[in-house]
């Protein structure tokens, strides 16, 4: 995963990551940020518009990754 630059004023306390499989051309990409209690997921196309962030517990995130 590549560390993507933070956007000022948008969840600035989180460090967002984008998959190295994502292209710079946009498309169907998500970013993930992990803190001590949860995993946060957002659409890379909606970062500047302060789009929605999906927050799930670390156990649920691990279960999702295990199922893939």
Protein backbone atom coordinates (compact mmCIF):
# COMPACT_ATOMS: atom_id res chain seq x y z
CA UNK A 1 0.00 0.00 0.00
CA UNK A 2 1.11 3.53 -0.69
CA UNK A 3 0.67 6.34 1.81
CA UNK A 4 -1.50 8.98 0.21
CA UNK A 5 -1.20 12.64 1.16
CA UNK A 6 -3.58 13.90 3.82
CA UNK A 7 -6.18 16.46 2.81
CA UNK A 8 -6.24 19.41 5.26
CA UNK A 9 -9.41 19.53 7.33
CA UNK A 10 -10.60 16.04 6.33
CA UNK A 11 -9.93 13.51 9.07
CA UNK A 12 -6.45 14.98 9.39
CA UNK A 13 -5.66 12.83 12.42
CA UNK A 14 -5.87 9.68 10.26
CA UNK A 15 -3.21 8.41 7.85
CA UNK A 16 -4.97 7.26 4.68
CA UNK A 17 -3.58 4.50 2.46
CA UNK A 18 -4.41 3.64 -1.13
CA UNK A 19 -3.61 0.29 -2.70
CA UNK A 20 -0.52 0.11 -4.87
CA UNK A 21 -2.81 -1.54 -7.45
CA UNK A 22 -4.66 1.77 -7.85
CA UNK A 23 -3.73 3.91 -10.83
CA UNK A 24 -3.25 7.66 -10.77
CA UNK A 25 -6.00 7.96 -13.39
CA UNK A 26 -8.79 7.53 -10.84
CA UNK A 27 -11.53 4.99 -11.21
CA UNK A 28 -12.74 2.53 -8.62
CA UNK A 29 -10.37 3.17 -5.70
CA UNK A 30 -10.83 3.30 -1.96
CA UNK A 31 -8.55 4.50 0.81
CA UNK A 32 -8.19 2.97 4.24
CA UNK A 33 -7.07 4.47 7.56
CA UNK A 34 -6.50 2.39 10.68
CA UNK A 35 -6.54 3.67 14.25
CA UNK A 36 -6.53 1.94 17.62
CA UNK A 37 -10.23 1.00 17.58
CA UNK A 38 -11.47 0.92 13.99
CA UNK A 39 -10.77 0.83 10.29
CA UNK A 40 -12.06 3.72 8.16
CA UNK A 41 -12.80 3.39 4.44
CA UNK A 42 -13.56 6.16 1.95
CA UNK A 43 -13.93 6.65 -1.81
CA UNK A 44 -10.88 8.40 -3.27
CA UNK A 45 -13.11 10.42 -5.63
CA UNK A 46 -14.97 12.07 -2.75
CA UNK A 47 -12.09 13.12 -0.51
CA UNK A 48 -12.19 16.81 -1.41
CA UNK A 49 -15.99 16.91 -1.04
CA UNK A 50 -15.74 15.48 2.50
CA UNK A 51 -17.59 12.38 1.33
CA UNK A 52 -18.83 9.63 3.62
CA UNK A 53 -16.47 7.43 5.60
CA UNK A 54 -17.40 3.85 6.49
CA UNK A 55 -16.04 2.88 9.92
CA UNK A 56 -15.87 -0.76 11.02
CA UNK A 57 -14.30 -2.54 13.96
CA UNK A 58 -10.97 -4.28 13.50
CA UNK A 59 -12.54 -7.74 14.01
CA UNK A 60 -15.05 -7.12 11.21
CA UNK A 61 -12.28 -5.79 8.93
CA UNK A 62 -10.15 -8.88 9.59
CA UNK A 63 -13.11 -11.13 8.81
CA UNK A 64 -13.66 -9.31 5.51
CA UNK A 65 -10.01 -9.70 4.51
CA UNK A 66 -10.01 -13.37 5.50
CA UNK A 67 -13.07 -13.96 3.33
CA UNK A 68 -11.41 -12.46 0.25
